[in-house]
Amino acid sequence: MFFNQTKNNFVIMRLKATIILFVFIFSKVNAQNNQQVYITGHLINFNTRTTIVDFSELADLRLPDNERELVPDKNGYFSIRFALKQPNYFLLGRNVMYLSPGDKLSVTIDYKEPLKSEFHGSARVANNYLRSTPLPKAGSYLDGGFNLKKTIKENIDNILLLAQERRDTLSSTKLLSKDFIVFEKARIDADIINSFKFLPGIFIYKNKIPQENQLKIFGEVDSLTGQYLNKYCRSLINASFLKIESFRKNSYRILDSVKDNNSDVSKIKDWQYAHELFRQINSIEDKQKLLKLKGKIDTIKDSNYRNAIKETFNLKSQFWNGDAAKDFIAYDINSNEVKLSSLKGKIIFIDLWATWCGPCLEEMPFFENIKKKYADNPNISFVALCVNDNRIEWKENLKKRNSQGLQLFAEQSQMLPYKILSLPRTIIIDKDFKIIKMSGPLPSYPATEKYIESLLTGIK
């Protein structure tokens, strides 16, 4: 009897241990799942590959990556799962998205018509609201000039009106988290500041204001927006708003409105310092000068910013002028694959551009003239390479301009080693397939033709 009781106690103890172990494993798996984001859906008018881009302040300190790359099937359907520790903004195509750990979302996103995108699931309300987010690079509420009015005063009034409409939409949208509402209220104010910044330039360009009258336009904008700028800038002194792109792009103007140096101001300045260092690292062509910047990284206070810059520094120093070029696959207008290495044996002059890049399009006539001048020279090849863009819009642009010569398109994932952060840009490779210039002279520069002549000298 004693033996049976002991045996029963042993069985009960093992059963309890098994249950505890099961609960522990289940809790751990559940916690891991709660740190994941699941997205399924349908992409329309997208490339064969695309990426869900981090849209936070850390993304402005890192080189592009393909961490959340999507490869839709032939009909545009996809599914993806990725880790996320805290709520964050992302960009998919032209749609800004707000995602939190544990979100499960079903989407239909049209690259050409972001307003028609549809979101279903746990984050549907916030992301449906974000469909009409104005873009900072388009001058926010000015929308690239589409919302431009006849006078400066009318434009300022319209900017404030559009901002108020955005506030009304936000306040009438139910089931939004408190944090999201705070961020989006900040975005509305930051977009006002951004609109005022872009107003004189867009107004001058659209109305073809002669140079002798342009300073007057800037002065009028300054005099009429001053009272609003001080009000909105002071309301934005909060380091958490660095998540908002329009805040980051106007952070210096925002900090100019305050004289105190509280913890929020200090953190914003720390990010600004890190971002300036990021820009320096990526603009330097001399490796010895780059190495001199290494010591400055440790002076960044925030560990996340510091680690992001360290990562950028290490990646930048791995691939340099004089190194063998990294081969990649691009596509011609007929979707045929073209390897960069197929041009080996010639000097390769690559003109990087995108359909959305105004300065790139301004460079095109100069690039065409240089191509024409050296059309009969077998020792050099000119490549117009469209990057960070949509392949459908690229093809439409080529047909519209009747573009000739070697016109190629490359997916972002193919171009990661070349660290393409800004456009326009050129890359020059020698006949032995080594990098001469990671960032070469632009076609419009007066000295570019002489530089090309110097490269061709001595080549048989």
Protein backbone atom coordinates (compact mmCIF):
# COMPACT_ATOMS: atom_id res chain seq x y z
CA MET A 1 0.00 0.00 0.00
CA PHE A 2 2.83 2.35 0.89
CA PHE A 3 4.50 1.48 -2.42
CA ASN A 4 1.31 2.24 -4.38
CA GLN A 5 0.85 5.59 -2.63
CA THR A 6 4.46 6.54 -3.32
CA LYS A 7 4.03 5.54 -6.94
CA ASN A 8 0.86 7.64 -7.21
CA ASN A 9 2.61 10.65 -5.68
CA PHE A 10 5.44 10.23 -8.17
CA VAL A 11 2.99 10.11 -11.09
CA ILE A 12 1.20 13.23 -9.82
CA MET A 13 4.52 15.06 -9.44
CA ARG A 14 5.54 14.13 -12.99
CA LEU A 15 2.15 15.23 -14.27
CA LYS A 16 2.49 18.58 -12.50
CA ALA A 17 6.00 19.03 -13.88
CA THR A 18 4.75 18.25 -17.39
CA ILE A 19 1.91 20.76 -17.04
CA ILE A 20 4.29 23.45 -15.74
CA LEU A 21 6.69 22.77 -18.61
CA PHE A 22 3.84 22.91 -21.13
CA VAL A 23 2.58 26.20 -19.68
CA PHE A 24 6.11 27.63 -19.78
CA ILE A 25 6.65 26.60 -23.41
CA PHE A 26 3.19 27.85 -24.41
CA SER A 27 3.79 31.18 -22.67
CA LYS A 28 7.16 31.56 -24.37
CA VAL A 29 5.75 30.75 -27.82
CA ASN A 30 2.81 33.07 -27.20
CA ALA A 31 5.18 35.87 -26.13
CA GLN A 32 7.24 35.33 -29.28
CA ASN A 33 4.09 35.44 -31.43
CA ASN A 34 3.08 38.69 -29.74
CA GLN A 35 6.40 40.16 -30.92
CA GLN A 36 5.59 39.28 -34.54
CA VAL A 37 3.63 41.10 -37.25
CA TYR A 38 1.72 39.05 -39.83
CA ILE A 39 0.67 40.64 -43.13
CA THR A 40 -1.00 38.96 -46.08
CA GLY A 41 -2.50 40.57 -49.12
CA HIS A 42 -2.47 41.70 -52.72
CA LEU A 43 -0.08 44.20 -54.32
CA ILE A 44 -1.14 45.99 -57.51
CA ASN A 45 1.26 47.81 -59.89
CA PHE A 46 4.29 46.83 -57.80
CA ASN A 47 7.68 45.45 -58.84
CA THR A 48 8.41 41.73 -58.65
CA ARG A 49 10.16 42.52 -55.36
CA THR A 50 9.50 45.27 -52.86
CA THR A 51 10.28 46.06 -49.23
CA ILE A 52 8.33 47.17 -46.19
CA VAL A 53 10.57 50.10 -45.30
CA ASP A 54 11.26 51.21 -41.74
CA PHE A 55 10.01 54.81 -41.57
CA SER A 56 11.35 55.66 -38.10
CA GLU A 57 14.20 57.92 -37.00
CA LEU A 58 16.57 54.92 -36.96
CA ALA A 59 15.99 54.37 -40.69
CA ASP A 60 17.55 57.80 -41.32
CA LEU A 61 20.74 56.57 -39.66
CA ARG A 62 21.06 53.27 -41.53
CA LEU A 63 21.81 52.24 -45.08
CA PRO A 64 18.97 50.61 -47.06
CA ASP A 65 18.41 46.90 -46.46
CA ASN A 66 16.05 44.16 -47.59
CA GLU A 67 15.12 42.96 -44.10
CA ARG A 68 11.37 42.95 -44.83
CA GLU A 69 11.52 42.11 -48.53
CA LEU A 70 8.34 40.90 -50.23
CA VAL A 71 8.32 38.61 -53.25
CA PRO A 72 4.69 38.44 -54.44
CA ASP A 73 3.55 35.57 -56.65
CA LYS A 74 2.74 36.14 -60.32
CA ASN A 75 -0.71 37.50 -59.36
CA GLY A 76 0.65 39.91 -56.74
CA TYR A 77 -0.32 37.94 -53.62
CA PHE A 78 2.07 37.68 -50.68
CA SER A 79 2.46 36.90 -47.00
CA ILE A 80 5.17 38.04 -44.60
CA ARG A 81 5.99 37.77 -40.91
CA PHE A 82 8.62 39.82 -39.10
CA ALA A 83 9.68 40.70 -35.57
CA LEU A 84 8.63 44.01 -34.02
CA LYS A 85 9.37 45.07 -30.45
CA GLN A 86 7.41 48.34 -30.34
CA PRO A 87 4.90 50.28 -32.47
CA ASN A 88 6.49 51.88 -35.50
CA TYR A 89 5.78 53.55 -38.83
CA PHE A 90 6.61 51.78 -42.10
CA LEU A 91 6.23 52.47 -45.80
CA LEU A 92 4.88 49.98 -48.35
CA GLY A 93 4.78 51.45 -51.83
CA ARG A 94 3.32 54.92 -51.26
CA ASN A 95 1.29 53.95 -48.20
CA VAL A 96 2.46 54.91 -44.72
CA MET A 97 1.62 52.14 -42.23
CA TYR A 98 1.51 52.01 -38.42
CA LEU A 99 2.18 48.57 -36.98
CA SER A 100 2.35 47.21 -33.44
CA PRO A 101 3.69 43.89 -32.08
CA GLY A 102 1.11 41.15 -32.57
CA ASP A 103 -0.71 42.86 -35.45
CA LYS A 104 -2.36 40.63 -38.05
CA LEU A 105 -3.30 42.49 -41.18
CA SER A 106 -4.77 41.75 -44.61
CA VAL A 107 -4.09 44.42 -47.25
CA THR A 108 -4.77 45.38 -50.84
CA ILE A 109 -2.34 48.09 -51.92
CA ASP A 110 -2.16 49.81 -55.30
CA TYR A 111 1.18 51.54 -55.89
CA LYS A 112 -0.39 54.04 -58.28
CA GLU A 113 -3.47 54.80 -56.17
CA PRO A 114 -2.61 54.67 -52.45
CA LEU A 115 -5.96 56.25 -51.51
CA LYS A 116 -7.72 53.13 -52.80
CA SER A 117 -5.66 50.77 -50.65
CA GLU A 118 -7.61 48.61 -48.19
CA PHE A 119 -6.62 47.35 -44.75
CA HIS A 120 -8.38 44.68 -42.70
CA GLY A 121 -7.47 43.17 -39.36
CA SER A 122 -6.11 44.40 -36.05
CA ALA A 123 -4.51 47.59 -37.40
CA ARG A 124 -7.13 48.41 -40.03
CA VAL A 125 -8.47 51.68 -38.56
CA ALA A 126 -5.10 53.42 -38.15
CA ASN A 127 -3.84 52.30 -41.55
CA ASN A 128 -7.01 53.26 -43.40
CA TYR A 129 -6.66 56.71 -41.81
CA LEU A 130 -3.02 56.92 -42.97
CA ARG A 131 -3.95 56.40 -46.63
CA SER A 132 -4.27 60.16 -47.13
CA THR A 133 -1.07 61.10 -45.27
CA PRO A 134 0.56 64.07 -47.08
CA LEU A 135 4.15 63.49 -48.16
CA PRO A 136 6.91 65.77 -46.79
CA LYS A 137 8.99 65.60 -49.98
CA ALA A 138 5.95 66.87 -51.93
CA GLY A 139 5.67 69.89 -49.62
CA SER A 140 3.05 68.14 -47.44
CA TYR A 141 -0.26 70.03 -47.84
CA LEU A 142 0.94 71.69 -51.06
CA ASP A 143 1.08 68.22 -52.66
CA GLY A 144 3.84 69.08 -55.09
CA GLY A 145 1.98 72.19 -56.26
CA PHE A 146 -1.38 70.56 -56.99
CA ASN A 147 -2.94 72.51 -54.10
CA LEU A 148 -1.24 75.79 -54.99
CA LYS A 149 -3.37 78.96 -54.89
CA LYS A 150 -2.91 82.33 -56.63
CA THR A 151 -1.43 84.35 -53.75
CA ILE A 152 0.85 83.65 -50.78
CA LYS A 153 -1.94 84.62 -48.35
CA GLU A 154 -4.40 82.25 -50.04
CA ASN A 155 -1.85 79.44 -49.84
CA ILE A 156 -1.24 79.97 -46.13
CA ASP A 157 -4.99 79.99 -45.45
CA ASN A 158 -5.41 76.82 -47.52
CA ILE A 159 -2.58 75.03 -45.70
CA LEU A 160 -4.23 75.81 -42.35
CA LEU A 161 -7.62 74.73 -43.72
CA LEU A 162 -6.30 71.39 -44.97
CA ALA A 163 -4.58 70.82 -41.63
CA GLN A 164 -7.84 71.48 -39.78
CA GLU A 165 -9.66 69.04 -42.05
CA ARG A 166 -7.01 66.47 -41.15
CA ARG A 167 -7.57 67.15 -37.44
CA ASP A 168 -11.33 66.75 -37.88
CA THR A 169 -10.84 63.42 -39.64
CA LEU A 170 -8.52 62.22 -36.88
CA SER A 171 -10.88 63.23 -34.08
CA SER A 172 -13.86 61.57 -35.78
CA THR A 173 -12.01 58.28 -36.35
CA LYS A 174 -12.85 55.79 -33.59
CA LEU A 175 -10.83 52.89 -32.12
CA LEU A 176 -7.43 54.58 -32.47
CA SER A 177 -4.82 54.10 -29.75
CA LYS A 178 -3.91 57.09 -27.58
CA ASP A 179 -0.27 56.97 -28.72
CA PHE A 180 -1.28 56.94 -32.38
CA ILE A 181 -3.52 59.98 -31.89
CA VAL A 182 -0.68 61.87 -30.19
CA PHE A 183 1.72 61.05 -33.04
CA GLU A 184 -0.76 62.01 -35.74
CA LYS A 185 -1.64 65.32 -34.08
CA ALA A 186 2.09 66.05 -34.10
CA ARG A 187 2.31 65.05 -37.77
CA ILE A 188 -0.44 67.53 -38.67
CA ASP A 189 1.47 70.40 -37.02
CA ALA A 190 4.81 69.29 -38.47
CA ASP A 191 3.25 69.14 -41.94
CA ILE A 192 2.12 72.76 -41.54
CA ILE A 193 5.72 73.76 -40.80
CA ASN A 194 6.93 71.68 -43.74
CA SER A 195 4.34 73.26 -46.05
CA PHE A 196 5.49 76.75 -45.08
CA LYS A 197 9.09 75.73 -45.79
CA PHE A 198 8.24 74.51 -49.30
CA LEU A 199 5.78 77.30 -50.14
CA PRO A 200 8.18 79.93 -51.56
CA GLY A 201 10.08 77.44 -53.72
CA ILE A 202 6.97 75.80 -55.19
CA PHE A 203 5.25 79.18 -55.66
CA ILE A 204 8.28 80.59 -57.51
CA TYR A 205 8.66 77.48 -59.68
CA LYS A 206 4.99 77.15 -60.63
CA ASN A 207 4.52 80.86 -61.32
CA LYS A 208 7.92 81.27 -63.03
CA ILE A 209 8.82 84.22 -60.81
CA PRO A 210 11.91 86.03 -62.21
CA GLN A 211 15.04 85.90 -60.08
CA GLU A 212 14.95 89.60 -59.19
CA ASN A 213 11.54 89.12 -57.50
CA GLN A 214 12.21 85.86 -55.68
CA LEU A 215 13.57 87.37 -52.46
CA LYS A 216 10.33 89.30 -52.13
CA ILE A 217 8.37 86.02 -52.17
CA PHE A 218 10.55 84.55 -49.42
CA GLY A 219 10.11 87.73 -47.37
CA GLU A 220 6.33 87.67 -47.75
CA VAL A 221 6.15 84.03 -46.66
CA ASP A 222 8.34 84.74 -43.62
CA SER A 223 6.26 87.74 -42.53
CA LEU A 224 2.92 85.94 -42.88
CA THR A 225 3.91 82.60 -41.33
CA GLY A 226 5.99 83.76 -38.35
CA GLN A 227 3.14 83.78 -35.84
CA TYR A 228 2.05 80.27 -36.83
CA LEU A 229 5.56 78.83 -36.88
CA ASN A 230 6.28 79.82 -33.28
CA LYS A 231 2.98 78.33 -32.13
CA TYR A 232 3.35 74.98 -33.88
CA CYS A 233 7.08 74.61 -33.24
CA ARG A 234 6.70 75.04 -29.48
CA SER A 235 3.97 72.38 -29.39
CA LEU A 236 6.34 69.82 -30.93
CA ILE A 237 9.19 69.73 -28.40
CA ASN A 238 8.92 66.02 -27.73
CA ALA A 239 11.66 63.53 -28.66
CA SER A 240 9.14 60.74 -29.34
CA PHE A 241 7.96 62.76 -32.36
CA LEU A 242 11.20 61.80 -34.11
CA LYS A 243 9.13 58.85 -35.37
CA ILE A 244 7.37 61.34 -37.67
CA GLU A 245 9.20 62.05 -40.94
CA SER A 246 7.95 65.64 -41.30
CA PHE A 247 9.14 66.34 -37.74
CA ARG A 248 12.63 65.03 -38.52
CA LYS A 249 12.86 67.05 -41.72
CA ASN A 250 12.02 70.23 -39.80
CA SER A 251 13.66 69.47 -36.45
CA TYR A 252 16.18 72.34 -36.66
CA ARG A 253 13.44 74.91 -37.25
CA ILE A 254 11.41 73.40 -34.42
CA LEU A 255 14.30 73.59 -31.93
CA ASP A 256 14.97 77.21 -32.95
CA SER A 257 11.70 78.11 -31.22
CA VAL A 258 12.95 77.18 -27.73
CA LYS A 259 15.84 78.37 -25.59
CA ASP A 260 15.78 75.82 -22.77
CA ASN A 261 17.66 72.54 -23.00
CA ASN A 262 15.45 69.89 -21.38
CA SER A 263 15.77 66.12 -21.88
CA ASP A 264 13.60 66.14 -25.02
CA VAL A 265 15.69 68.88 -26.62
CA SER A 266 18.89 67.01 -25.71
CA LYS A 267 17.65 63.79 -27.30
CA ILE A 268 16.51 65.57 -30.47
CA LYS A 269 19.94 67.23 -30.71
CA ASP A 270 21.59 63.84 -30.18
CA TRP A 271 19.63 62.43 -33.14
CA GLN A 272 20.54 65.49 -35.24
CA TYR A 273 24.21 64.94 -34.42
CA ALA A 274 23.94 61.26 -35.36
CA HIS A 275 22.18 62.16 -38.61
CA GLU A 276 24.84 64.72 -39.53
CA LEU A 277 27.48 62.07 -38.88
CA PHE A 278 25.53 59.65 -41.08
CA ARG A 279 25.56 62.18 -43.92
CA GLN A 280 29.28 62.82 -43.50
CA ILE A 281 30.07 59.10 -43.56
CA ASN A 282 28.16 58.65 -46.79
CA SER A 283 29.53 61.73 -48.55
CA ILE A 284 33.24 61.03 -47.96
CA GLU A 285 35.15 59.38 -50.81
CA ASP A 286 38.58 59.21 -49.16
CA LYS A 287 38.95 56.16 -46.92
CA GLN A 288 41.47 57.83 -44.60
CA LYS A 289 39.07 60.71 -43.99
CA LEU A 290 36.34 58.20 -43.23
CA LEU A 291 38.46 56.49 -40.59
CA LYS A 292 38.91 59.84 -38.83
CA LEU A 293 35.16 59.95 -38.20
CA LYS A 294 35.17 56.67 -36.30
CA GLY A 295 35.99 58.30 -32.97
CA LYS A 296 32.97 60.61 -33.22
CA ILE A 297 30.56 57.68 -33.15
CA ASP A 298 31.18 57.03 -29.45
CA THR A 299 30.10 60.60 -28.60
CA ILE A 300 26.50 59.77 -29.62
CA LYS A 301 24.59 59.40 -26.36
CA ASP A 302 21.63 57.22 -27.36
CA SER A 303 22.76 53.60 -27.75
CA ASN A 304 20.25 52.88 -30.55
CA TYR A 305 21.50 55.84 -32.58
CA ARG A 306 25.11 54.94 -31.83
CA ASN A 307 24.67 51.31 -32.92
CA ALA A 308 22.91 52.38 -36.13
CA ILE A 309 25.81 54.68 -37.06
CA LYS A 310 28.36 51.97 -36.23
CA GLU A 311 26.52 49.64 -38.58
CA THR A 312 26.55 52.29 -41.32
CA PHE A 313 30.25 53.00 -40.79
CA ASN A 314 31.16 49.31 -41.03
CA LEU A 315 29.12 48.78 -44.20
CA LYS A 316 30.51 51.92 -45.83
CA SER A 317 34.11 50.92 -45.14
CA GLN A 318 33.64 47.45 -46.68
CA PHE A 319 33.13 48.61 -50.29
CA TRP A 320 35.15 51.49 -51.66
CA ASN A 321 36.72 53.18 -54.65
CA GLY A 322 39.34 50.80 -56.07
CA ASP A 323 37.46 47.67 -55.00
CA ALA A 324 36.06 45.18 -57.50
CA ALA A 325 32.56 46.20 -58.57
CA LYS A 326 29.70 44.17 -57.13
CA ASP A 327 27.83 42.47 -59.93
CA PHE A 328 24.05 42.78 -60.09
CA ILE A 329 21.16 41.88 -62.36
CA ALA A 330 19.08 44.61 -63.99
CA TYR A 331 16.28 44.45 -66.56
CA ASP A 332 15.78 46.10 -69.92
CA ILE A 333 12.44 47.44 -71.16
CA ASN A 334 11.53 43.97 -72.47
CA SER A 335 12.20 42.43 -69.01
CA ASN A 336 15.35 40.66 -70.19
CA GLU A 337 18.03 40.17 -67.54
CA VAL A 338 21.25 42.14 -68.01
CA LYS A 339 24.26 41.57 -65.76
CA LEU A 340 26.51 44.52 -65.04
CA SER A 341 29.50 42.22 -65.61
CA SER A 342 28.41 41.75 -69.24
CA LEU A 343 29.91 45.21 -69.85
CA LYS A 344 33.30 44.26 -68.40
CA GLY A 345 36.21 45.35 -70.60
CA LYS A 346 34.84 48.87 -71.06
CA ILE A 347 34.60 51.92 -68.87
CA ILE A 348 31.05 51.87 -67.48
CA PHE A 349 29.37 55.21 -66.79
CA ILE A 350 26.17 54.58 -64.80
CA ASP A 351 23.63 57.38 -64.45
CA LEU A 352 21.33 56.56 -61.49
CA TRP A 353 17.87 58.10 -61.63
CA ALA A 354 14.19 57.66 -60.76
CA THR A 355 10.95 58.84 -62.36
CA TRP A 356 10.00 60.77 -59.19
CA CYS A 357 13.36 62.59 -59.00
CA GLY A 358 13.08 66.07 -60.57
CA PRO A 359 16.84 66.80 -60.54
CA CYS A 360 17.43 63.40 -62.22
CA LEU A 361 15.15 64.34 -65.10
CA GLU A 362 16.96 67.68 -65.42
CA GLU A 363 20.22 65.74 -65.85
CA MET A 364 18.79 63.64 -68.70
CA PRO A 365 19.51 66.06 -71.62
CA PHE A 366 23.14 66.38 -70.47
CA PHE A 367 23.46 62.60 -70.19
CA GLU A 368 22.01 62.16 -73.69
CA ASN A 369 24.49 64.68 -75.12
CA ILE A 370 27.46 62.86 -73.56
CA LYS A 371 26.15 59.51 -74.83
CA LYS A 372 25.81 60.95 -78.33
CA LYS A 373 29.36 62.35 -78.28
CA TYR A 374 30.88 58.95 -77.43
CA ALA A 375 28.39 56.79 -79.34
CA ASP A 376 31.10 55.47 -81.67
CA ASN A 377 33.69 54.84 -78.96
CA PRO A 378 33.87 51.08 -78.22
CA ASN A 379 35.76 51.63 -74.95
CA ILE A 380 32.94 53.17 -72.93
CA SER A 381 29.37 52.17 -72.18
CA PHE A 382 26.70 54.52 -70.83
CA VAL A 383 23.95 53.02 -68.69
CA ALA A 384 20.81 54.86 -67.58
CA LEU A 385 19.86 52.84 -64.49
CA CYS A 386 16.52 53.49 -62.81
CA VAL A 387 16.52 52.57 -59.10
CA ASN A 388 14.25 52.89 -56.05
CA ASP A 389 11.26 53.12 -58.35
CA ASN A 390 8.29 51.31 -59.85
CA ARG A 391 9.00 49.31 -63.01
CA ILE A 392 5.66 50.12 -64.64
CA GLU A 393 6.18 53.87 -64.22
CA TRP A 394 9.76 53.50 -65.49
CA LYS A 395 8.56 51.89 -68.73
CA GLU A 396 5.91 54.57 -69.19
CA ASN A 397 8.54 57.28 -68.67
CA LEU A 398 10.89 55.73 -71.26
CA LYS A 399 8.12 55.53 -73.85
CA LYS A 400 7.03 59.10 -73.14
CA ARG A 401 10.57 60.42 -73.63
CA ASN A 402 11.38 57.98 -76.45
CA SER A 403 14.58 57.09 -74.58
CA GLN A 404 17.29 55.27 -76.50
CA GLY A 405 20.48 53.43 -75.57
CA LEU A 406 21.01 51.07 -72.66
CA GLN A 407 18.05 51.72 -70.36
CA LEU A 408 17.94 49.40 -67.33
CA PHE A 409 15.91 48.96 -64.15
CA ALA A 410 17.29 47.43 -60.93
CA GLU A 411 15.44 46.25 -57.84
CA GLN A 412 16.55 47.86 -54.58
CA SER A 413 17.72 44.50 -53.22
CA GLN A 414 20.22 44.21 -56.10
CA MET A 415 21.75 47.60 -55.37
CA LEU A 416 22.29 47.38 -51.60
CA PRO A 417 26.13 47.27 -51.78
CA TYR A 418 26.11 50.59 -53.63
CA LYS A 419 24.34 52.37 -50.74
CA ILE A 420 22.02 54.53 -52.83
CA LEU A 421 20.69 57.17 -50.44
CA SER A 422 20.20 60.12 -52.76
CA LEU A 423 19.69 60.87 -56.44
CA PRO A 424 20.90 61.91 -58.97
CA ARG A 425 24.22 60.09 -58.78
CA THR A 426 26.71 58.42 -61.09
CA ILE A 427 28.94 55.38 -60.61
CA ILE A 428 32.05 54.92 -62.76
CA ILE A 429 33.74 51.54 -63.25
CA ASP A 430 36.98 50.87 -65.13
CA LYS A 431 37.60 48.28 -67.86
CA ASP A 432 38.92 45.81 -65.25
CA PHE A 433 35.58 46.02 -63.42
CA LYS A 434 36.91 48.04 -60.49
CA ILE A 435 35.17 51.05 -58.95
CA ILE A 436 36.74 54.33 -60.04
CA LYS A 437 34.11 56.57 -58.44
CA MET A 438 31.31 55.37 -56.19
CA SER A 439 29.84 58.87 -56.58
CA GLY A 440 31.11 60.33 -59.84
CA PRO A 441 30.53 63.70 -61.53
CA LEU A 442 27.01 64.38 -62.80
CA PRO A 443 26.44 64.73 -66.57
CA SER A 444 25.65 68.45 -66.22
CA TYR A 445 29.00 69.29 -64.59
CA PRO A 446 31.21 71.30 -67.01
CA ALA A 447 34.26 69.14 -66.20
CA THR A 448 32.54 65.77 -66.76
CA GLU A 449 33.53 65.43 -70.42
CA LYS A 450 37.17 66.25 -69.64
CA TYR A 451 37.07 63.64 -66.88
CA ILE A 452 35.75 61.03 -69.31
CA GLU A 453 38.48 61.97 -71.80
CA SER A 454 41.12 61.43 -69.11
CA LEU A 455 39.72 57.95 -68.41
CA LEU A 456 39.78 57.03 -72.09
CA THR A 457 43.34 58.26 -72.62
CA GLY A 458 45.65 55.32 -73.20
CA ILE A 459 42.88 52.75 -73.67
CA LYS A 460 43.32 50.88 -76.93
